[in-house]
C-alpha atoms as a PDB file:
ATOM      1  CA  MET A   1     -38.817  -1.944 -15.967  1.00  0.00           C
ATOM      2  CA  SER A   2     -38.412   1.745 -15.190  1.00  0.00           C
ATOM      3  CA  PRO A   3     -35.158   3.067 -13.733  1.00  0.00           C
ATOM      4  CA  ALA A   4     -36.831   3.571 -10.351  1.00  0.00           C
ATOM      5  CA  GLU A   5     -38.108  -0.013 -10.406  1.00  0.00           C
ATOM      6  CA  GLN A   6     -34.660  -1.269 -11.338  1.00  0.00           C
ATOM      7  CA  VAL A   7     -33.125   0.549  -8.361  1.00  0.00           C
ATOM      8  CA  LYS A   8     -35.810  -0.838  -6.051  1.00  0.00           C
ATOM      9  CA  HIS A   9     -35.329  -4.348  -7.415  1.00  0.00           C
ATOM     10  CA  ALA A  10     -31.543  -4.095  -7.074  1.00  0.00           C
ATOM     11  CA  ARG A  11     -31.926  -3.021  -3.421  1.00  0.00           C
ATOM     12  CA  GLU A  12     -34.263  -5.933  -2.752  1.00  0.00           C
ATOM     13  CA  LEU A  13     -31.808  -8.377  -4.328  1.00  0.00           C
ATOM     14  CA  ASP A  14     -28.981  -6.864  -2.267  1.00  0.00           C
ATOM     15  CA  GLN A  15     -30.993  -7.466   0.898  1.00  0.00           C
ATOM     16  CA  VAL A  16     -31.680 -11.086  -0.097  1.00  0.00           C
ATOM     17  CA  LEU A  17     -28.002 -11.639  -0.855  1.00  0.00           C
ATOM     18  CA  LEU A  18     -26.952 -10.003   2.414  1.00  0.00           C
ATOM     19  CA  ALA A  19     -29.391 -12.191   4.367  1.00  0.00           C
ATOM     20  CA  ALA A  20     -27.875 -15.273   2.726  1.00  0.00           C
ATOM     21  CA  GLU A  21     -24.358 -14.092   3.590  1.00  0.00           C
ATOM     22  CA  VAL A  22     -25.363 -13.382   7.201  1.00  0.00           C
ATOM     23  CA  HIS A  23     -26.693 -16.950   7.385  1.00  0.00           C
ATOM     24  CA  GLU A  24     -23.434 -18.204   5.882  1.00  0.00           C
ATOM     25  CA  GLU A  25     -21.452 -16.264   8.503  1.00  0.00           C
ATOM     26  CA  GLU A  26     -23.590 -17.757  11.275  1.00  0.00           C
ATOM     27  CA  ILE A  27     -22.680 -21.231   9.990  1.00  0.00           C
ATOM     28  CA  VAL A  28     -18.994 -20.315   9.811  1.00  0.00           C
ATOM     29  CA  CYS A  29     -19.104 -19.023  13.400  1.00  0.00           C
ATOM     30  CA  ARG A  30     -20.809 -22.209  14.613  1.00  0.00           C
ATOM     31  CA  LEU A  31     -18.161 -24.337  12.910  1.00  0.00           C
ATOM     32  CA  GLU A  32     -15.368 -22.253  14.417  1.00  0.00           C
ATOM     33  CA  HIS A  33     -16.999 -22.479  17.842  1.00  0.00           C
ATOM     34  CA  ALA A  34     -17.037 -26.263  17.393  1.00  0.00           C
ATOM     35  CA  GLY A  35     -13.264 -26.122  16.905  1.00  0.00           C
ATOM     36  CA  LEU A  36     -13.080 -26.405  13.131  1.00  0.00           C
ATOM     37  CA  GLU A  37     -10.860 -24.157  11.059  1.00  0.00           C
ATOM     38  CA  VAL A  38     -12.905 -22.424   8.384  1.00  0.00           C
ATOM     39  CA  ASP A  39     -11.676 -20.144   5.599  1.00  0.00           C
ATOM     40  CA  ARG A  40     -14.080 -17.359   4.762  1.00  0.00           C
ATOM     41  CA  ARG A  41     -14.629 -16.450   1.138  1.00  0.00           C
ATOM     42  CA  SER A  42     -12.405 -13.568   0.098  1.00  0.00           C
ATOM     43  CA  ASP A  43     -15.430 -11.858  -1.448  1.00  0.00           C
ATOM     44  CA  ALA A  44     -17.677 -12.254   1.609  1.00  0.00           C
ATOM     45  CA  ASP A  45     -19.638  -9.126   2.401  1.00  0.00           C
ATOM     46  CA  PRO A  46     -17.968  -7.284   5.307  1.00  0.00           C
ATOM     47  CA  ARG A  47     -21.418  -6.296   6.579  1.00  0.00           C
ATOM     48  CA  ALA A  48     -22.234  -9.955   7.109  1.00  0.00           C
ATOM     49  CA  ILE A  49     -18.910 -10.788   8.754  1.00  0.00           C
ATOM     50  CA  LEU A  50     -19.045  -7.794  11.071  1.00  0.00           C
ATOM     51  CA  GLY A  51     -22.759  -8.147  11.791  1.00  0.00           C
ATOM     52  CA  VAL A  52     -23.527  -4.604  10.691  1.00  0.00           C
ATOM     53  CA  ASN A  53     -27.135  -3.557  10.343  1.00  0.00           C
ATOM     54  CA  PRO A  54     -27.382  -2.302   6.739  1.00  0.00           C
ATOM     55  CA  SER A  55     -29.992   0.313   7.602  1.00  0.00           C
ATOM     56  CA  ARG A  56     -27.464   2.046   9.893  1.00  0.00           C
ATOM     57  CA  ILE A  57     -24.596   2.191   7.415  1.00  0.00           C
ATOM     58  CA  ASP A  58     -23.319   5.542   6.247  1.00  0.00           C
ATOM     59  CA  HIS A  59     -22.831   4.522   2.614  1.00  0.00           C
ATOM     60  CA  VAL A  60     -20.601   7.471   1.767  1.00  0.00           C
ATOM     61  CA  LYS A  61     -18.206   6.544   4.583  1.00  0.00           C
ATOM     62  CA  LEU A  62     -18.428   2.885   3.613  1.00  0.00           C
ATOM     63  CA  ARG A  63     -17.388   3.687   0.036  1.00  0.00           C
ATOM     64  CA  ARG A  64     -14.485   5.760   1.366  1.00  0.00           C
ATOM     65  CA  VAL A  65     -13.375   2.931   3.631  1.00  0.00           C
ATOM     66  CA  GLU A  66     -13.686   0.389   0.801  1.00  0.00           C
ATOM     67  CA  HIS A  67     -11.698   2.675  -1.512  1.00  0.00           C
ATOM     68  CA  ARG A  68      -8.987   3.168   1.121  1.00  0.00           C
ATOM     69  CA  ALA A  69      -8.845  -0.586   1.787  1.00  0.00           C
ATOM     70  CA  HIS A  70      -8.383  -1.167  -1.942  1.00  0.00           C
ATOM     71  CA  GLN A  71      -5.586   1.420  -2.028  1.00  0.00           C
ATOM     72  CA  LEU A  72      -3.870  -0.166   0.960  1.00  0.00           C
ATOM     73  CA  ALA A  73      -4.111  -3.631  -0.579  1.00  0.00           C
ATOM     74  CA  GLY A  74      -2.447  -2.300  -3.722  1.00  0.00           C
ATOM     75  CA  LEU A  75       0.262  -0.628  -1.659  1.00  0.00           C
ATOM     76  CA  ALA A  76       0.868  -3.831   0.317  1.00  0.00           C
ATOM     77  CA  ALA A  77       1.248  -5.814  -2.911  1.00  0.00           C
ATOM     78  CA  HIS A  78       3.668  -3.206  -4.263  1.00  0.00           C
ATOM     79  CA  LEU A  79       5.723  -3.261  -1.056  1.00  0.00           C
ATOM     80  CA  GLU A  80       5.810  -7.060  -1.092  1.00  0.00           C
ATOM     81  CA  ARG A  81       7.232  -6.993  -4.631  1.00  0.00           C
ATOM     82  CA  ASP A  82       9.809  -4.384  -3.579  1.00  0.00           C
ATOM     83  CA  ILE A  83      10.851  -6.465  -0.588  1.00  0.00           C
ATOM     84  CA  GLN A  84      11.219  -9.588  -2.712  1.00  0.00           C
ATOM     85  CA  GLU A  85      13.379  -7.662  -5.192  1.00  0.00           C
ATOM     86  CA  LYS A  86      15.592  -6.281  -2.406  1.00  0.00           C
ATOM     87  CA  VAL A  87      15.994  -9.736  -0.838  1.00  0.00           C
ATOM     88  CA  ALA A  88      17.047 -11.108  -4.225  1.00  0.00           C
ATOM     89  CA  GLU A  89      19.536  -8.242  -4.641  1.00  0.00           C
ATOM     90  CA  ILE A  90      21.010  -8.865  -1.189  1.00  0.00           C
ATOM     91  CA  GLN A  91      21.339 -12.575  -1.862  1.00  0.00           C
ATOM     92  CA  ASP A  92      23.035 -11.841  -5.178  1.00  0.00           C
ATOM     93  CA  LEU A  93      25.470  -9.445  -3.517  1.00  0.00           C
ATOM     94  CA  GLN A  94      26.237 -12.004  -0.791  1.00  0.00           C
ATOM     95  CA  GLN A  95      27.001 -14.622  -3.427  1.00  0.00           C
ATOM     96  CA  ARG A  96      29.260 -12.192  -5.310  1.00  0.00           C
ATOM     97  CA  LEU A  97      31.100 -11.308  -2.112  1.00  0.00           C
ATOM     98  CA  LEU A  98      31.705 -14.960  -1.325  1.00  0.00           C
ATOM     99  CA  ALA A  99      32.863 -15.593  -4.889  1.00  0.00           C
ATOM    100  CA  LEU A 100      35.370 -12.754  -4.513  1.00  0.00           C
ATOM    101  CA  GLY A 101      36.662 -14.273  -1.286  1.00  0.00           C
ATOM    102  CA  GLY A 102      34.939 -11.748   0.937  1.00  0.00           C
ATOM    103  CA  SER A 103      34.681 -12.037   4.677  1.00  0.00           C
ATOM    104  CA  SER A 104      32.251 -14.694   5.762  1.00  0.00           C
ATOM    105  CA  SER A 105      31.372 -12.568   8.830  1.00  0.00           C
ATOM    106  CA  LEU A 106      30.089  -9.848   6.499  1.00  0.00           C
ATOM    107  CA  VAL A 107      27.901 -12.335   4.715  1.00  0.00           C
ATOM    108  CA  ARG A 108      26.629 -13.704   8.009  1.00  0.00           C
ATOM    109  CA  ALA A 109      25.982 -10.164   9.275  1.00  0.00           C
ATOM    110  CA  GLY A 110      23.950  -9.462   6.185  1.00  0.00           C
ATOM    111  CA  SER A 111      21.903 -12.565   6.757  1.00  0.00           C
ATOM    112  CA  GLY A 112      21.222 -11.715  10.393  1.00  0.00           C
ATOM    113  CA  HIS A 113      23.813 -14.149  11.819  1.00  0.00           C
ATOM    114  CA  ASP A 114      26.709 -11.928  12.828  1.00  0.00           C
ATOM    115  CA  SER A 115      29.454 -14.035  14.424  1.00  0.00           C
ATOM    116  CA  ARG A 116      30.610 -11.060  16.524  1.00  0.00           C
ATOM    117  CA  ARG A 117      27.544 -11.176  18.774  1.00  0.00           C
END
């Protein structure tokens, strides 16, 4: 198969796959409308979920949006790890303060339960 034929074949397969995912999304929407809770696949094609007509997509912008979404997901994961580390540090410091006989109001204030309110 020539390179041009491969590209054409890949586009045709993409259209078949997208049609199947659009059908899948229609089923999901019907189930949700019937009151059932349905989890979408994490790798579902956004074009199918959003009902976007593929012939009207600006592919350069789409790639930029996908790249930015990937960056933001990485940032969110990094921030979540940072938050978990800080929470663990705070909890450790609260325990140390209590062990040293520190003020219980300081510990409560650090945990969001200040007795002075």
